[in-house]
Amino acid sequence: MGVTENTSSPTFSIINEYIGHHNQVIYHSDWYRLKGVQDAIEAGVQDILENQNAYCFVEWPEIAEELLNTCLH
Protein backbone atom coordinates (compact mmCIF):
# COMPACT_ATOMS: atom_id res chain seq x y z
CA MET A 1 0.00 0.00 0.00
CA GLY A 2 3.03 2.22 -0.30
CA VAL A 3 4.05 2.64 3.33
CA THR A 4 7.78 3.33 3.35
CA GLU A 5 8.38 3.90 7.06
CA ASN A 6 9.08 1.12 9.53
CA THR A 7 5.94 -0.46 10.90
CA SER A 8 5.39 -2.10 14.27
CA SER A 9 2.67 -3.86 16.17
CA PRO A 10 0.20 -1.48 17.82
CA THR A 11 -0.16 -3.80 20.83
CA PHE A 12 0.75 -1.09 23.33
CA SER A 13 -0.35 2.00 21.42
CA ILE A 14 -3.64 0.35 20.27
CA ILE A 15 -3.58 2.29 16.98
CA ASN A 16 -0.76 3.02 14.55
CA GLU A 17 -1.28 5.42 11.65
CA TYR A 18 0.66 5.24 8.40
CA ILE A 19 0.60 7.16 5.15
CA GLY A 20 0.67 5.17 1.92
CA HIS A 21 0.53 5.95 -1.80
CA HIS A 22 -1.15 9.25 -2.70
CA ASN A 23 -1.29 10.24 1.00
CA GLN A 24 -3.72 7.39 1.75
CA VAL A 25 -4.24 7.04 5.51
CA ILE A 26 -3.89 3.50 6.87
CA TYR A 27 -4.76 2.55 10.44
CA HIS A 28 -3.53 -0.66 12.03
CA SER A 29 -5.10 -1.40 15.39
CA ASP A 30 -4.68 -4.19 17.89
CA TRP A 31 -7.60 -4.57 20.28
CA TYR A 32 -6.09 -7.34 22.40
CA ARG A 33 -5.61 -5.13 25.48
CA LEU A 34 -9.07 -3.53 25.25
CA LYS A 35 -11.72 -4.72 27.67
CA GLY A 36 -14.73 -4.07 25.43
CA VAL A 37 -16.63 -1.48 23.45
CA GLN A 38 -16.32 1.40 25.93
CA ASP A 39 -12.59 0.85 26.23
CA ALA A 40 -12.32 0.88 22.41
CA ILE A 41 -14.29 4.13 22.13
CA GLU A 42 -12.06 5.79 24.73
CA ALA A 43 -8.98 4.65 22.79
CA GLY A 44 -10.26 6.34 19.61
CA VAL A 45 -11.20 3.19 17.73
CA GLN A 46 -14.65 4.43 16.72
CA ASP A 47 -13.14 7.57 15.22
CA ILE A 48 -10.79 5.67 12.93
CA LEU A 49 -13.51 3.24 11.87
CA GLU A 50 -15.76 6.12 10.86
CA ASN A 51 -13.06 7.66 8.64
CA GLN A 52 -14.38 6.66 5.22
CA ASN A 53 -11.18 7.85 3.52
CA ALA A 54 -8.88 5.46 5.39
CA TYR A 55 -8.08 1.78 5.39
CA CYS A 56 -8.49 0.13 8.78
CA PHE A 57 -6.82 -3.15 9.67
CA VAL A 58 -7.88 -4.70 12.98
CA GLU A 59 -6.35 -7.45 15.08
CA TRP A 60 -8.66 -9.08 17.66
CA PRO A 61 -11.86 -7.51 16.23
CA GLU A 62 -14.09 -9.71 18.40
CA ILE A 63 -13.19 -7.59 21.45
CA ALA A 64 -15.47 -4.76 20.24
CA GLU A 65 -17.20 -6.30 17.24
CA GLU A 66 -20.26 -4.10 17.79
CA LEU A 67 -18.22 -1.09 16.62
CA LEU A 68 -17.43 -2.82 13.36
CA ASN A 69 -21.10 -3.52 12.76
CA THR A 70 -22.12 0.11 13.35
CA CYS A 71 -19.34 1.55 11.19
CA LEU A 72 -19.84 -0.58 8.09
CA HIS A 73 -21.31 1.38 5.20
C-alpha atoms as a PDB file:
ATOM      1  CA  MET A   1       0.000   0.000   0.000  1.00  0.00           C
ATOM      2  CA  GLY A   2       3.031   2.217  -0.302  1.00  0.00           C
ATOM      3  CA  VAL A   3       4.053   2.637   3.333  1.00  0.00           C
ATOM      4  CA  THR A   4       7.777   3.334   3.349  1.00  0.00           C
ATOM      5  CA  GLU A   5       8.381   3.904   7.057  1.00  0.00           C
ATOM      6  CA  ASN A   6       9.082   1.116   9.532  1.00  0.00           C
ATOM      7  CA  THR A   7       5.936  -0.460  10.904  1.00  0.00           C
ATOM      8  CA  SER A   8       5.389  -2.097  14.270  1.00  0.00           C
ATOM      9  CA  SER A   9       2.673  -3.864  16.174  1.00  0.00           C
ATOM     10  CA  PRO A  10       0.203  -1.478  17.825  1.00  0.00           C
ATOM     11  CA  THR A  11      -0.163  -3.801  20.829  1.00  0.00           C
ATOM     12  CA  PHE A  12       0.751  -1.089  23.329  1.00  0.00           C
ATOM     13  CA  SER A  13      -0.345   2.002  21.422  1.00  0.00           C
ATOM     14  CA  ILE A  14      -3.641   0.351  20.273  1.00  0.00           C
ATOM     15  CA  ILE A  15      -3.581   2.292  16.976  1.00  0.00           C
ATOM     16  CA  ASN A  16      -0.759   3.021  14.545  1.00  0.00           C
ATOM     17  CA  GLU A  17      -1.280   5.420  11.652  1.00  0.00           C
ATOM     18  CA  TYR A  18       0.657   5.245   8.399  1.00  0.00           C
ATOM     19  CA  ILE A  19       0.600   7.157   5.147  1.00  0.00           C
ATOM     20  CA  GLY A  20       0.671   5.169   1.919  1.00  0.00           C
ATOM     21  CA  HIS A  21       0.534   5.950  -1.797  1.00  0.00           C
ATOM     22  CA  HIS A  22      -1.150   9.249  -2.695  1.00  0.00           C
ATOM     23  CA  ASN A  23      -1.289  10.236   1.001  1.00  0.00           C
ATOM     24  CA  GLN A  24      -3.717   7.394   1.747  1.00  0.00           C
ATOM     25  CA  VAL A  25      -4.237   7.041   5.513  1.00  0.00           C
ATOM     26  CA  ILE A  26      -3.892   3.503   6.868  1.00  0.00           C
ATOM     27  CA  TYR A  27      -4.765   2.548  10.440  1.00  0.00           C
ATOM     28  CA  HIS A  28      -3.527  -0.662  12.028  1.00  0.00           C
ATOM     29  CA  SER A  29      -5.102  -1.396  15.386  1.00  0.00           C
ATOM     30  CA  ASP A  30      -4.684  -4.193  17.892  1.00  0.00           C
ATOM     31  CA  TRP A  31      -7.604  -4.572  20.279  1.00  0.00           C
ATOM     32  CA  TYR A  32      -6.091  -7.342  22.402  1.00  0.00           C
ATOM     33  CA  ARG A  33      -5.609  -5.131  25.482  1.00  0.00           C
ATOM     34  CA  LEU A  34      -9.066  -3.526  25.252  1.00  0.00           C
ATOM     35  CA  LYS A  35     -11.721  -4.716  27.670  1.00  0.00           C
ATOM     36  CA  GLY A  36     -14.726  -4.074  25.427  1.00  0.00           C
ATOM     37  CA  VAL A  37     -16.634  -1.485  23.449  1.00  0.00           C
ATOM     38  CA  GLN A  38     -16.323   1.398  25.931  1.00  0.00           C
ATOM     39  CA  ASP A  39     -12.586   0.854  26.228  1.00  0.00           C
ATOM     40  CA  ALA A  40     -12.320   0.881  22.411  1.00  0.00           C
ATOM     41  CA  ILE A  41     -14.289   4.126  22.130  1.00  0.00           C
ATOM     42  CA  GLU A  42     -12.063   5.786  24.731  1.00  0.00           C
ATOM     43  CA  ALA A  43      -8.984   4.651  22.791  1.00  0.00           C
ATOM     44  CA  GLY A  44     -10.263   6.342  19.614  1.00  0.00           C
ATOM     45  CA  VAL A  45     -11.199   3.193  17.726  1.00  0.00           C
ATOM     46  CA  GLN A  46     -14.646   4.427  16.723  1.00  0.00           C
ATOM     47  CA  ASP A  47     -13.139   7.573  15.220  1.00  0.00           C
ATOM     48  CA  ILE A  48     -10.791   5.668  12.931  1.00  0.00           C
ATOM     49  CA  LEU A  49     -13.510   3.238  11.869  1.00  0.00           C
ATOM     50  CA  GLU A  50     -15.764   6.121  10.860  1.00  0.00           C
ATOM     51  CA  ASN A  51     -13.064   7.660   8.642  1.00  0.00           C
ATOM     52  CA  GLN A  52     -14.378   6.657   5.221  1.00  0.00           C
ATOM     53  CA  ASN A  53     -11.178   7.855   3.525  1.00  0.00           C
ATOM     54  CA  ALA A  54      -8.876   5.465   5.386  1.00  0.00           C
ATOM     55  CA  TYR A  55      -8.081   1.781   5.388  1.00  0.00           C
ATOM     56  CA  CYS A  56      -8.491   0.129   8.783  1.00  0.00           C
ATOM     57  CA  PHE A  57      -6.821  -3.150   9.666  1.00  0.00           C
ATOM     58  CA  VAL A  58      -7.878  -4.699  12.979  1.00  0.00           C
ATOM     59  CA  GLU A  59      -6.349  -7.446  15.082  1.00  0.00           C
ATOM     60  CA  TRP A  60      -8.657  -9.080  17.657  1.00  0.00           C
ATOM     61  CA  PRO A  61     -11.858  -7.511  16.233  1.00  0.00           C
ATOM     62  CA  GLU A  62     -14.086  -9.714  18.397  1.00  0.00           C
ATOM     63  CA  ILE A  63     -13.188  -7.591  21.446  1.00  0.00           C
ATOM     64  CA  ALA A  64     -15.469  -4.765  20.236  1.00  0.00           C
ATOM     65  CA  GLU A  65     -17.203  -6.300  17.238  1.00  0.00           C
ATOM     66  CA  GLU A  66     -20.259  -4.104  17.788  1.00  0.00           C
ATOM     67  CA  LEU A  67     -18.224  -1.091  16.622  1.00  0.00           C
ATOM     68  CA  LEU A  68     -17.430  -2.818  13.357  1.00  0.00           C
ATOM     69  CA  ASN A  69     -21.102  -3.518  12.759  1.00  0.00           C
ATOM     70  CA  THR A  70     -22.118   0.106  13.352  1.00  0.00           C
ATOM     71  CA  CYS A  71     -19.343   1.551  11.187  1.00  0.00           C
ATOM     72  CA  LEU A  72     -19.844  -0.580   8.089  1.00  0.00           C
ATOM     73  CA  HIS A  73     -21.312   1.382   5.203  1.00  0.00           C
END
